[in-house]
């Protein structure tokens, strides 16, 4: 295990030296805290909705501990709502996970306003090292990780391209992905007294350079950490029960909830009709658009298939 830990640290450090960045999307979570610790001169940008956001105390703590150049930005609710059409236009999607993308959008936009041309993100760490809570009970965890590793896609790339900022993703280096896939699932998910934890090997690798409360903190989804999840209730109230029921009955789209419908309504106004499947594509059961044959996540509506069936 010591050999794996040393190689993990060496590879990640090498990735950062090989492809440095001036800015970092910084939540104070494990992944971005590691990148900050390995990039002491980086400008750490934290995004949160005003009066909300679970990341703030963690980000403040890590920034102080590492003496980072720290740039927190609080977004107003109306400003966040006004950005929804812009993000839908960029991503060409009405995926219900859009509040996550809002945090990324504001972080990259803030970096652009600061004159930063390259921004580092922690994309890929949760997927590669089993950081999501639902992974903790999966019987075929290794198969699942290998499956998603073939089609990793992050909104930061598309938003960065639109804003004209280079996105740097140390956890997604091809060699690092191969290395991570060869690590046993037993070293990613550890069942210890009183807790079950993902990303165990990653935490162990960096527990000597970060405080315990940062290394062993629980995973916070981006929309909760940034506070953007607060928008869901506000958005839901913008759709009447009558409108939602009526459209749900007549539409080909399988809406998850009112927020999903709200995003779709904006998508129709800005993008237009949902694209039909092309050659070598399968139809999405959620909206009818085309999906790559081996994909189990629709990039247009966010529908998720059983990964074992693809």
Protein backbone atom coordinates (compact mmCIF):
# COMPACT_ATOMS: atom_id res chain seq x y z
CA UNK A 1 0.00 0.00 0.00
CA UNK A 2 2.87 2.41 0.75
CA UNK A 3 4.10 1.95 -2.81
CA UNK A 4 0.66 2.81 -4.22
CA UNK A 5 0.40 5.89 -2.01
CA UNK A 6 3.82 7.13 -3.07
CA UNK A 7 3.08 6.56 -6.74
CA UNK A 8 -0.27 8.31 -6.44
CA UNK A 9 1.39 11.39 -4.93
CA UNK A 10 4.25 11.36 -7.43
CA UNK A 11 1.94 11.06 -10.44
CA UNK A 12 -0.39 13.83 -9.29
CA UNK A 13 2.50 16.17 -8.49
CA UNK A 14 3.99 15.42 -11.91
CA UNK A 15 0.68 16.17 -13.64
CA UNK A 16 0.51 19.58 -11.97
CA UNK A 17 4.13 20.45 -12.80
CA UNK A 18 3.58 19.34 -16.40
CA UNK A 19 0.42 21.40 -16.85
CA UNK A 20 0.20 24.20 -14.26
CA UNK A 21 -2.61 26.73 -13.96
CA UNK A 22 -2.94 30.19 -12.49
CA UNK A 23 -6.41 29.63 -11.03
CA UNK A 24 -8.28 26.86 -9.22
CA UNK A 25 -12.00 26.20 -8.77
CA UNK A 26 -11.83 25.74 -5.03
CA UNK A 27 -14.52 24.31 -2.76
CA UNK A 28 -12.38 23.37 0.21
CA UNK A 29 -13.32 19.73 -0.42
CA UNK A 30 -10.70 17.02 -0.55
CA UNK A 31 -9.99 17.12 -4.30
CA UNK A 32 -9.48 20.87 -4.63
CA UNK A 33 -7.66 21.05 -1.27
CA UNK A 34 -5.09 18.53 -2.55
CA UNK A 35 -4.60 20.51 -5.76
CA UNK A 36 -4.20 23.72 -3.74
CA UNK A 37 -1.64 22.08 -1.45
CA UNK A 38 0.38 20.98 -4.49
CA UNK A 39 0.06 24.41 -6.16
CA UNK A 40 0.97 26.93 -3.42
CA UNK A 41 0.99 29.98 -5.72
CA UNK A 42 -2.38 29.28 -7.28
CA UNK A 43 -5.35 31.66 -7.03
CA UNK A 44 -8.20 29.77 -5.37
CA UNK A 45 -11.71 30.82 -6.46
CA UNK A 46 -14.69 29.83 -4.33
CA UNK A 47 -18.30 30.36 -5.44
CA UNK A 48 -21.31 30.38 -3.14
CA UNK A 49 -24.88 31.61 -3.22
CA UNK A 50 -25.31 34.53 -0.79
CA UNK A 51 -26.33 33.31 2.69
CA UNK A 52 -26.03 29.67 1.59
CA UNK A 53 -23.35 27.08 0.88
CA UNK A 54 -21.81 24.32 2.97
CA UNK A 55 -18.34 24.78 1.47
CA UNK A 56 -17.58 28.16 3.00
CA UNK A 57 -16.11 27.10 6.39
CA UNK A 58 -14.02 24.36 4.73
CA UNK A 59 -12.74 26.67 2.01
CA UNK A 60 -11.89 29.35 4.57
CA UNK A 61 -10.09 26.80 6.74
CA UNK A 62 -7.98 25.36 3.91
CA UNK A 63 -7.17 28.81 2.53
CA UNK A 64 -5.92 29.92 5.94
CA UNK A 65 -3.99 26.70 6.59
CA UNK A 66 -2.22 26.83 3.20
CA UNK A 67 -1.96 30.63 3.14
CA UNK A 68 -3.61 30.65 -0.28
CA UNK A 69 -4.37 33.56 -2.54
CA UNK A 70 -8.07 33.19 -1.91
CA UNK A 71 -10.89 34.81 -3.88
CA UNK A 72 -14.39 33.99 -2.59
CA UNK A 73 -17.34 35.29 -4.59
CA UNK A 74 -20.95 35.35 -3.37
CA UNK A 75 -23.68 35.22 -6.02
CA UNK A 76 -27.13 36.73 -5.53
CA UNK A 77 -30.21 34.62 -6.18
CA UNK A 78 -31.45 36.81 -9.07
CA UNK A 79 -27.96 36.80 -10.62
CA UNK A 80 -27.91 33.00 -10.44
CA UNK A 81 -31.39 32.70 -11.97
CA UNK A 82 -30.43 35.10 -14.77
CA UNK A 83 -27.49 32.85 -15.62
CA UNK A 84 -29.62 29.71 -16.11
CA UNK A 85 -30.44 30.47 -19.80
CA UNK A 86 -26.78 31.27 -20.48
CA UNK A 87 -25.62 27.92 -19.09
CA UNK A 88 -28.36 26.03 -20.95
CA UNK A 89 -27.27 27.75 -24.16
CA UNK A 90 -23.62 26.79 -23.57
CA UNK A 91 -24.28 23.17 -22.65
CA UNK A 92 -27.28 22.65 -24.96
CA UNK A 93 -28.82 20.66 -22.14
CA UNK A 94 -31.67 20.77 -19.63
CA UNK A 95 -30.10 18.18 -17.35
CA UNK A 96 -31.57 18.59 -13.83
CA UNK A 97 -27.99 18.72 -12.49
CA UNK A 98 -27.74 22.27 -13.85
CA UNK A 99 -27.25 23.93 -10.40
CA UNK A 100 -23.83 22.23 -10.32
CA UNK A 101 -23.01 23.81 -13.67
CA UNK A 102 -24.00 27.26 -12.42
CA UNK A 103 -21.25 27.14 -9.79
CA UNK A 104 -18.72 26.18 -12.46
CA UNK A 105 -19.97 28.94 -14.78
CA UNK A 106 -19.60 31.66 -12.15
CA UNK A 107 -16.19 30.34 -11.06
CA UNK A 108 -14.80 30.40 -14.60
CA UNK A 109 -16.41 33.75 -15.37
CA UNK A 110 -14.84 35.23 -12.23
CA UNK A 111 -11.47 33.81 -13.27
CA UNK A 112 -11.88 35.43 -16.69
CA UNK A 113 -12.69 38.77 -15.08
CA UNK A 114 -9.50 38.44 -13.02
CA UNK A 115 -7.44 37.96 -16.18
CA UNK A 116 -6.74 34.29 -15.47
CA UNK A 117 -6.24 32.17 -18.60
CA UNK A 118 -5.88 28.66 -17.14
CA UNK A 119 -8.06 27.17 -14.40
CA UNK A 120 -7.49 23.88 -12.61
CA UNK A 121 -10.40 21.70 -11.47
CA UNK A 122 -10.80 18.55 -9.39
CA UNK A 123 -12.87 16.86 -12.12
CA UNK A 124 -12.61 13.08 -12.23
CA UNK A 125 -11.44 12.37 -8.71
CA UNK A 126 -14.86 11.26 -7.42
CA UNK A 127 -15.41 9.02 -10.44
CA UNK A 128 -11.95 7.45 -10.32
CA UNK A 129 -11.66 6.99 -6.54
CA UNK A 130 -15.32 6.25 -5.66
CA UNK A 131 -16.17 9.54 -4.00
CA UNK A 132 -19.94 9.41 -4.44
CA UNK A 133 -22.09 8.00 -1.67
CA UNK A 134 -24.06 5.71 -4.00
CA UNK A 135 -20.82 3.91 -4.85
CA UNK A 136 -20.37 2.71 -1.28
CA UNK A 137 -22.94 -0.09 -1.68
CA UNK A 138 -22.20 -1.14 -5.27
CA UNK A 139 -21.47 -4.84 -5.79
CA UNK A 140 -19.56 -4.31 -9.04
CA UNK A 141 -17.79 -1.10 -8.18
CA UNK A 142 -14.69 -1.80 -10.25
CA UNK A 143 -16.78 -2.61 -13.34
CA UNK A 144 -18.75 0.60 -12.87
CA UNK A 145 -15.67 2.79 -12.50
CA UNK A 146 -14.09 1.25 -15.61
CA UNK A 147 -17.34 1.84 -17.49
CA UNK A 148 -17.65 5.52 -16.65
CA UNK A 149 -13.91 6.10 -17.18
CA UNK A 150 -14.49 5.50 -20.90
CA UNK A 151 -16.91 8.41 -21.25
CA UNK A 152 -16.00 11.03 -18.65
CA UNK A 153 -17.35 14.45 -19.60
CA UNK A 154 -17.48 17.61 -17.49
CA UNK A 155 -19.28 20.90 -17.98
CA UNK A 156 -16.10 22.79 -17.08
CA UNK A 157 -14.65 21.87 -20.49
CA UNK A 158 -17.59 23.23 -22.45
CA UNK A 159 -18.01 26.34 -20.30
CA UNK A 160 -14.25 26.97 -20.37
CA UNK A 161 -14.24 26.72 -24.16
CA UNK A 162 -17.13 29.18 -24.38
CA UNK A 163 -15.45 31.67 -22.01
CA UNK A 164 -12.05 31.09 -23.63
CA UNK A 165 -10.30 29.68 -20.57
CA UNK A 166 -8.06 26.62 -20.64
CA UNK A 167 -9.24 23.91 -18.24
CA UNK A 168 -6.55 21.88 -16.47
CA UNK A 169 -7.67 18.55 -14.95
CA UNK A 170 -4.82 16.72 -13.16
CA UNK A 171 -7.01 13.78 -12.11
CA UNK A 172 -7.94 13.16 -15.77
CA UNK A 173 -4.44 12.69 -17.16
CA UNK A 174 -4.60 9.49 -19.24
CA UNK A 175 -1.75 7.85 -17.38
CA UNK A 176 -3.26 8.79 -14.04
CA UNK A 177 -6.63 7.34 -15.04
CA UNK A 178 -4.95 4.04 -15.98
CA UNK A 179 -3.11 4.02 -12.67
CA UNK A 180 -6.32 4.77 -10.76
CA UNK A 181 -8.25 2.01 -12.54
CA UNK A 182 -5.65 -0.52 -11.42
CA UNK A 183 -6.12 0.37 -7.74
CA UNK A 184 -8.29 -2.17 -5.95
CA UNK A 185 -11.81 -1.03 -4.99
CA UNK A 186 -10.99 -2.18 -1.46
CA UNK A 187 -8.53 0.73 -1.25
CA UNK A 188 -11.10 3.19 -2.53
CA UNK A 189 -14.03 2.27 -0.28
CA UNK A 190 -13.08 1.48 3.31
CA UNK A 191 -15.52 0.28 5.93
CA UNK A 192 -14.23 1.46 9.27
CA UNK A 193 -15.86 1.58 12.73
CA UNK A 194 -18.70 4.08 12.60
CA UNK A 195 -18.28 5.03 8.94
CA UNK A 196 -17.95 3.96 5.33
CA UNK A 197 -15.68 6.20 3.34
CA UNK A 198 -14.94 6.70 -0.34
CA UNK A 199 -11.61 7.92 -1.77
CA UNK A 200 -9.82 6.24 1.13
CA UNK A 201 -6.49 5.76 -0.67
CA UNK A 202 -6.52 9.38 -1.85
CA UNK A 203 -7.18 10.58 1.69
CA UNK A 204 -4.37 8.42 3.09
CA UNK A 205 -1.95 9.71 0.46
CA UNK A 206 -2.38 13.32 1.56
CA UNK A 207 -3.16 13.09 5.26
CA UNK A 208 0.40 14.23 5.99
CA UNK A 209 -0.05 17.64 4.32
CA UNK A 210 -3.67 18.55 5.13
CA UNK A 211 -5.58 18.82 8.44
CA UNK A 212 -7.63 15.75 9.48
CA UNK A 213 -10.95 17.62 9.28
CA UNK A 214 -10.23 18.37 5.61
CA UNK A 215 -8.80 14.96 4.67
CA UNK A 216 -11.63 12.99 6.28
CA UNK A 217 -14.55 15.32 5.55
CA UNK A 218 -17.68 13.88 3.95
CA UNK A 219 -18.41 14.38 0.27
CA UNK A 220 -20.58 17.42 -0.48
CA UNK A 221 -22.22 17.55 -3.92
CA UNK A 222 -21.26 20.77 -5.70
CA UNK A 223 -24.76 22.22 -5.69
CA UNK A 224 -24.99 21.77 -1.89
CA UNK A 225 -21.47 23.01 -1.24
CA UNK A 226 -22.03 26.14 -3.32
CA UNK A 227 -25.57 26.63 -2.04
CA UNK A 228 -26.98 26.53 -5.57
CA UNK A 229 -29.40 23.80 -4.48
CA UNK A 230 -31.42 26.60 -2.85
CA UNK A 231 -32.49 27.61 -6.37
CA UNK A 232 -34.47 24.41 -6.82
CA UNK A 233 -37.28 25.52 -4.50
CA UNK A 234 -37.40 28.98 -6.09
CA UNK A 235 -37.48 27.54 -9.61
CA UNK A 236 -40.14 24.99 -8.68
CA UNK A 237 -42.42 27.79 -7.52
CA UNK A 238 -42.19 29.38 -10.99
CA UNK A 239 -44.08 26.43 -12.52
CA UNK A 240 -47.77 25.93 -11.73
CA UNK A 241 -49.16 22.48 -11.00
CA UNK A 242 -51.57 22.85 -13.92
CA UNK A 243 -48.83 23.73 -16.41
CA UNK A 244 -46.59 20.93 -15.20
CA UNK A 245 -49.31 18.28 -15.33
CA UNK A 246 -50.52 19.41 -18.75
CA UNK A 247 -47.09 19.45 -20.38
CA UNK A 248 -46.06 16.21 -18.72
CA UNK A 249 -49.03 14.43 -20.30
CA UNK A 250 -48.49 15.82 -23.79
CA UNK A 251 -44.67 15.91 -24.03
CA UNK A 252 -42.36 13.14 -25.19
CA UNK A 253 -39.96 14.17 -22.45
CA UNK A 254 -40.03 12.32 -19.14
CA UNK A 255 -39.74 15.10 -16.60
CA UNK A 256 -38.34 14.30 -13.18
CA UNK A 257 -39.85 17.33 -11.44
CA UNK A 258 -40.85 20.96 -11.95
CA UNK A 259 -37.25 22.20 -12.09
CA UNK A 260 -36.53 19.77 -14.92
CA UNK A 261 -39.53 21.11 -16.81
CA UNK A 262 -38.41 24.72 -16.15
CA UNK A 263 -34.98 24.02 -17.63
CA UNK A 264 -36.63 22.28 -20.61
CA UNK A 265 -38.88 25.29 -21.25
CA UNK A 266 -35.81 27.54 -21.45
CA UNK A 267 -34.04 24.96 -23.64
CA UNK A 268 -36.93 25.02 -26.12
CA UNK A 269 -36.88 28.83 -26.24
CA UNK A 270 -33.12 29.07 -26.75
CA UNK A 271 -32.04 25.88 -28.51
CA UNK A 272 -35.26 24.69 -30.11
CA UNK A 273 -36.26 21.12 -30.90
CA UNK A 274 -34.46 18.20 -29.30
CA UNK A 275 -32.09 16.63 -31.87
CA UNK A 276 -33.18 13.28 -33.26
CA UNK A 277 -30.88 10.24 -33.06
CA UNK A 278 -28.19 10.05 -35.69
CA UNK A 279 -26.51 7.06 -37.25
CA UNK A 280 -24.79 4.78 -34.74
CA UNK A 281 -26.84 6.27 -31.90
CA UNK A 282 -29.61 4.86 -29.72
CA UNK A 283 -32.67 6.87 -28.69
CA UNK A 284 -32.77 8.28 -25.17
CA UNK A 285 -35.79 6.91 -23.26
CA UNK A 286 -36.07 10.25 -21.48
CA UNK A 287 -36.28 12.71 -24.38
CA UNK A 288 -35.78 10.84 -27.67
CA UNK A 289 -32.46 12.37 -28.64
CA UNK A 290 -29.52 10.26 -29.74
CA UNK A 291 -27.07 8.72 -27.28
CA UNK A 292 -23.75 7.00 -28.06
CA UNK A 293 -24.33 3.24 -28.07
CA UNK A 294 -22.16 2.61 -24.99
CA UNK A 295 -23.37 5.63 -23.04
CA UNK A 296 -25.83 5.42 -20.15
CA UNK A 297 -26.26 9.14 -19.47
CA UNK A 298 -28.14 11.45 -21.82
CA UNK A 299 -26.29 14.73 -22.29
CA UNK A 300 -29.45 16.57 -23.34
CA UNK A 301 -32.04 15.68 -20.68
CA UNK A 302 -29.90 13.94 -18.06
CA UNK A 303 -31.73 10.59 -18.25
CA UNK A 304 -29.66 7.77 -16.73
CA UNK A 305 -29.90 4.18 -17.97
CA UNK A 306 -28.90 1.13 -15.96
CA UNK A 307 -25.15 1.07 -16.64
CA UNK A 308 -25.16 -2.73 -16.66
CA UNK A 309 -27.40 -2.77 -19.74
CA UNK A 310 -25.02 -0.78 -21.96
